[in-house]
Amino acid sequence: MASVSSSIKKELYRVEMESPSGNVVIADEPLESGGQDLGFSPTELLASALAACTSATLRIYADSKGWDLQEVKLEVNLQRDEKANKTIINRTMELFGNLDEKQRDRLMMVANACPVHKILTNPIEINTEYA
């Protein structure tokens, strides 16, 4: 189970998030949205979660197979289509190393099986309550 806490005070849009181990991330809105651009926007954080999870999952899998995966570069674009009430996430993956087509195909399947990908492509339930 993942757990984070967040806090926003008087500084408009600046949110501090902290993990149980003490890691801190600042989220903010871009200047054109009234923020100070001090950190990733909330949607950038969501896209980042998919990018980080995909990258790490590919690294772990390739290493476990002894494959020559030198580097993974990902670009994740997230956009919201309000009219269709739908979110579209496009992920572009570049794999560097001495990999054959069969290995590349397998890594594509592995990318689609990373935990965050599974979360985002299955039903999500959000429960909110007062403390």
C-alpha atoms as a PDB file:
ATOM      1  CA  MET A   1       0.000   0.000   0.000  1.00  0.00           C
ATOM      2  CA  ALA A   2       1.277   3.457  -0.896  1.00  0.00           C
ATOM      3  CA  SER A   3       0.703   6.325   1.495  1.00  0.00           C
ATOM      4  CA  VAL A   4       1.490  10.025   1.318  1.00  0.00           C
ATOM      5  CA  SER A   5       0.423  13.050   3.303  1.00  0.00           C
ATOM      6  CA  SER A   6      -0.013  16.523   1.871  1.00  0.00           C
ATOM      7  CA  SER A   7      -0.365  20.021   3.186  1.00  0.00           C
ATOM      8  CA  ILE A   8      -1.264  23.354   1.621  1.00  0.00           C
ATOM      9  CA  LYS A   9      -1.096  26.553   3.619  1.00  0.00           C
ATOM     10  CA  LYS A  10      -1.567  30.170   2.542  1.00  0.00           C
ATOM     11  CA  GLU A  11       0.816  30.069  -0.456  1.00  0.00           C
ATOM     12  CA  LEU A  12      -1.511  29.647  -3.438  1.00  0.00           C
ATOM     13  CA  TYR A  13      -1.284  26.190  -5.121  1.00  0.00           C
ATOM     14  CA  ARG A  14       1.983  25.149  -3.388  1.00  0.00           C
ATOM     15  CA  VAL A  15       1.446  21.687  -1.915  1.00  0.00           C
ATOM     16  CA  GLU A  16       4.028  19.736   0.077  1.00  0.00           C
ATOM     17  CA  MET A  17       3.696  15.969  -0.045  1.00  0.00           C
ATOM     18  CA  GLU A  18       5.628  13.634   2.211  1.00  0.00           C
ATOM     19  CA  SER A  19       6.167   9.888   2.178  1.00  0.00           C
ATOM     20  CA  PRO A  20       6.325   7.856   5.399  1.00  0.00           C
ATOM     21  CA  SER A  21      10.121   7.698   5.004  1.00  0.00           C
ATOM     22  CA  GLY A  22      10.402  11.503   4.885  1.00  0.00           C
ATOM     23  CA  ASN A  23      10.805  12.135   1.149  1.00  0.00           C
ATOM     24  CA  VAL A  24       9.255  15.492   0.221  1.00  0.00           C
ATOM     25  CA  VAL A  25       7.893  16.609  -3.139  1.00  0.00           C
ATOM     26  CA  ILE A  26       6.486  20.034  -3.965  1.00  0.00           C
ATOM     27  CA  ALA A  27       3.545  20.299  -6.340  1.00  0.00           C
ATOM     28  CA  ASP A  28       2.503  23.606  -7.826  1.00  0.00           C
ATOM     29  CA  GLU A  29       0.652  25.031 -10.784  1.00  0.00           C
ATOM     30  CA  PRO A  30       2.418  26.711 -13.697  1.00  0.00           C
ATOM     31  CA  LEU A  31       2.656  30.506 -13.817  1.00  0.00           C
ATOM     32  CA  GLU A  32      -0.079  30.755 -16.452  1.00  0.00           C
ATOM     33  CA  SER A  33      -2.462  28.972 -14.065  1.00  0.00           C
ATOM     34  CA  GLY A  34      -1.674  31.286 -11.145  1.00  0.00           C
ATOM     35  CA  GLY A  35       0.961  29.169  -9.458  1.00  0.00           C
ATOM     36  CA  GLN A  36       4.666  29.808  -8.982  1.00  0.00           C
ATOM     37  CA  ASP A  37       5.857  26.748 -10.964  1.00  0.00           C
ATOM     38  CA  LEU A  38       7.818  25.485  -7.926  1.00  0.00           C
ATOM     39  CA  GLY A  39       7.219  21.838  -8.763  1.00  0.00           C
ATOM     40  CA  PHE A  40       5.341  19.441 -10.956  1.00  0.00           C
ATOM     41  CA  SER A  41       1.642  20.090 -11.465  1.00  0.00           C
ATOM     42  CA  PRO A  42      -0.695  17.375 -10.145  1.00  0.00           C
ATOM     43  CA  THR A  43      -1.240  15.990 -13.657  1.00  0.00           C
ATOM     44  CA  GLU A  44       2.513  16.003 -14.298  1.00  0.00           C
ATOM     45  CA  LEU A  45       2.917  14.010 -11.092  1.00  0.00           C
ATOM     46  CA  LEU A  46       0.406  11.454 -12.343  1.00  0.00           C
ATOM     47  CA  ALA A  47       2.238  11.163 -15.679  1.00  0.00           C
ATOM     48  CA  SER A  48       5.533  10.942 -13.760  1.00  0.00           C
ATOM     49  CA  ALA A  49       4.240   8.025 -11.705  1.00  0.00           C
ATOM     50  CA  LEU A  50       3.585   6.065 -14.893  1.00  0.00           C
ATOM     51  CA  ALA A  51       6.968   7.014 -16.366  1.00  0.00           C
ATOM     52  CA  ALA A  52       8.875   6.087 -13.203  1.00  0.00           C
ATOM     53  CA  CYS A  53       7.047   2.803 -12.727  1.00  0.00           C
ATOM     54  CA  THR A  54       7.420   1.780 -16.372  1.00  0.00           C
ATOM     55  CA  SER A  55      11.130   2.619 -16.400  1.00  0.00           C
ATOM     56  CA  ALA A  56      11.874   0.748 -13.175  1.00  0.00           C
ATOM     57  CA  THR A  57       9.789  -2.268 -14.216  1.00  0.00           C
ATOM     58  CA  LEU A  58      11.647  -2.520 -17.535  1.00  0.00           C
ATOM     59  CA  ARG A  59      15.010  -2.188 -15.795  1.00  0.00           C
ATOM     60  CA  ILE A  60      14.172  -4.911 -13.265  1.00  0.00           C
ATOM     61  CA  TYR A  61      12.852  -7.268 -15.940  1.00  0.00           C
ATOM     62  CA  ALA A  62      15.778  -6.791 -18.349  1.00  0.00           C
ATOM     63  CA  ASP A  63      18.293  -7.224 -15.535  1.00  0.00           C
ATOM     64  CA  SER A  64      16.589 -10.419 -14.363  1.00  0.00           C
ATOM     65  CA  LYS A  65      16.903 -11.828 -17.902  1.00  0.00           C
ATOM     66  CA  GLY A  66      20.494 -10.648 -18.341  1.00  0.00           C
ATOM     67  CA  TRP A  67      19.504  -8.563 -21.377  1.00  0.00           C
ATOM     68  CA  ASP A  68      21.675  -5.701 -22.643  1.00  0.00           C
ATOM     69  CA  LEU A  69      19.233  -2.861 -21.919  1.00  0.00           C
ATOM     70  CA  GLN A  70      21.470   0.180 -21.569  1.00  0.00           C
ATOM     71  CA  GLU A  71      18.837   2.886 -21.181  1.00  0.00           C
ATOM     72  CA  VAL A  72      15.106   3.496 -21.278  1.00  0.00           C
ATOM     73  CA  LYS A  73      13.733   6.888 -22.281  1.00  0.00           C
ATOM     74  CA  LEU A  74      10.039   7.557 -21.892  1.00  0.00           C
ATOM     75  CA  GLU A  75       7.788  10.413 -22.761  1.00  0.00           C
ATOM     76  CA  VAL A  76       4.356  10.393 -21.177  1.00  0.00           C
ATOM     77  CA  ASN A  77       1.705  12.854 -22.305  1.00  0.00           C
ATOM     78  CA  LEU A  78      -1.524  13.099 -20.358  1.00  0.00           C
ATOM     79  CA  GLN A  79      -4.489  15.093 -21.589  1.00  0.00           C
ATOM     80  CA  ARG A  80      -8.054  15.380 -20.435  1.00  0.00           C
ATOM     81  CA  ASP A  81     -10.906  15.426 -22.951  1.00  0.00           C
ATOM     82  CA  GLU A  82     -13.635  17.093 -20.900  1.00  0.00           C
ATOM     83  CA  LYS A  83     -16.227  16.808 -23.660  1.00  0.00           C
ATOM     84  CA  ALA A  84     -15.818  13.016 -23.905  1.00  0.00           C
ATOM     85  CA  ASN A  85     -15.157  12.729 -20.137  1.00  0.00           C
ATOM     86  CA  LYS A  86     -12.032  10.771 -20.866  1.00  0.00           C
ATOM     87  CA  THR A  87      -8.321  10.927 -20.105  1.00  0.00           C
ATOM     88  CA  ILE A  88      -5.828  10.042 -22.815  1.00  0.00           C
ATOM     89  CA  ILE A  89      -2.310   8.982 -21.881  1.00  0.00           C
ATOM     90  CA  ASN A  90       0.257   8.511 -24.644  1.00  0.00           C
ATOM     91  CA  ARG A  91       3.510   6.824 -23.701  1.00  0.00           C
ATOM     92  CA  THR A  92       6.466   6.773 -26.115  1.00  0.00           C
ATOM     93  CA  MET A  93       9.283   4.415 -25.257  1.00  0.00           C
ATOM     94  CA  GLU A  94      12.872   4.346 -26.538  1.00  0.00           C
ATOM     95  CA  LEU A  95      15.000   1.333 -25.664  1.00  0.00           C
ATOM     96  CA  PHE A  96      18.774   1.471 -26.030  1.00  0.00           C
ATOM     97  CA  GLY A  97      21.019  -1.564 -26.006  1.00  0.00           C
ATOM     98  CA  ASN A  98      21.663  -4.737 -27.920  1.00  0.00           C
ATOM     99  CA  LEU A  99      18.100  -6.099 -28.022  1.00  0.00           C
ATOM    100  CA  ASP A 100      16.462  -8.247 -30.680  1.00  0.00           C
ATOM    101  CA  GLU A 101      12.859  -7.816 -31.849  1.00  0.00           C
ATOM    102  CA  LYS A 102      11.590 -10.595 -29.586  1.00  0.00           C
ATOM    103  CA  GLN A 103      13.145  -8.900 -26.535  1.00  0.00           C
ATOM    104  CA  ARG A 104      11.713  -5.516 -27.569  1.00  0.00           C
ATOM    105  CA  ASP A 105       8.246  -7.038 -27.990  1.00  0.00           C
ATOM    106  CA  ARG A 106       8.492  -8.652 -24.575  1.00  0.00           C
ATOM    107  CA  LEU A 107       9.579  -5.357 -22.999  1.00  0.00           C
ATOM    108  CA  MET A 108       6.511  -3.679 -24.523  1.00  0.00           C
ATOM    109  CA  MET A 109       4.339  -6.285 -22.800  1.00  0.00           C
ATOM    110  CA  VAL A 110       6.241  -5.754 -19.549  1.00  0.00           C
ATOM    111  CA  ALA A 111       5.722  -1.968 -19.827  1.00  0.00           C
ATOM    112  CA  ASN A 112       1.989  -2.552 -20.106  1.00  0.00           C
ATOM    113  CA  ALA A 113       2.091  -4.696 -16.967  1.00  0.00           C
ATOM    114  CA  CYS A 114       3.825  -2.227 -14.645  1.00  0.00           C
ATOM    115  CA  PRO A 115       1.856  -1.656 -11.421  1.00  0.00           C
ATOM    116  CA  VAL A 116       0.916   1.966 -12.164  1.00  0.00           C
ATOM    117  CA  HIS A 117      -0.247   1.027 -15.673  1.00  0.00           C
ATOM    118  CA  LYS A 118      -2.481  -1.623 -14.097  1.00  0.00           C
ATOM    119  CA  ILE A 119      -3.867   0.925 -11.626  1.00  0.00           C
ATOM    120  CA  LEU A 120      -4.636   3.448 -14.362  1.00  0.00           C
ATOM    121  CA  THR A 121      -6.261   0.930 -16.703  1.00  0.00           C
ATOM    122  CA  ASN A 122      -8.556  -0.720 -14.171  1.00  0.00           C
ATOM    123  CA  PRO A 123     -11.475   0.643 -12.168  1.00  0.00           C
ATOM    124  CA  ILE A 124     -10.459   3.119  -9.478  1.00  0.00           C
ATOM    125  CA  GLU A 125     -12.436   3.826  -6.326  1.00  0.00           C
ATOM    126  CA  ILE A 126     -11.637   6.917  -4.256  1.00  0.00           C
ATOM    127  CA  ASN A 127     -13.065   7.145  -0.738  1.00  0.00           C
ATOM    128  CA  THR A 128     -12.848  10.435   1.168  1.00  0.00           C
ATOM    129  CA  GLU A 129     -13.638  11.087   4.816  1.00  0.00           C
ATOM    130  CA  TYR A 130     -12.912  13.636   7.509  1.00  0.00           C
ATOM    131  CA  ALA A 131     -10.105  12.899   9.984  1.00  0.00           C
END
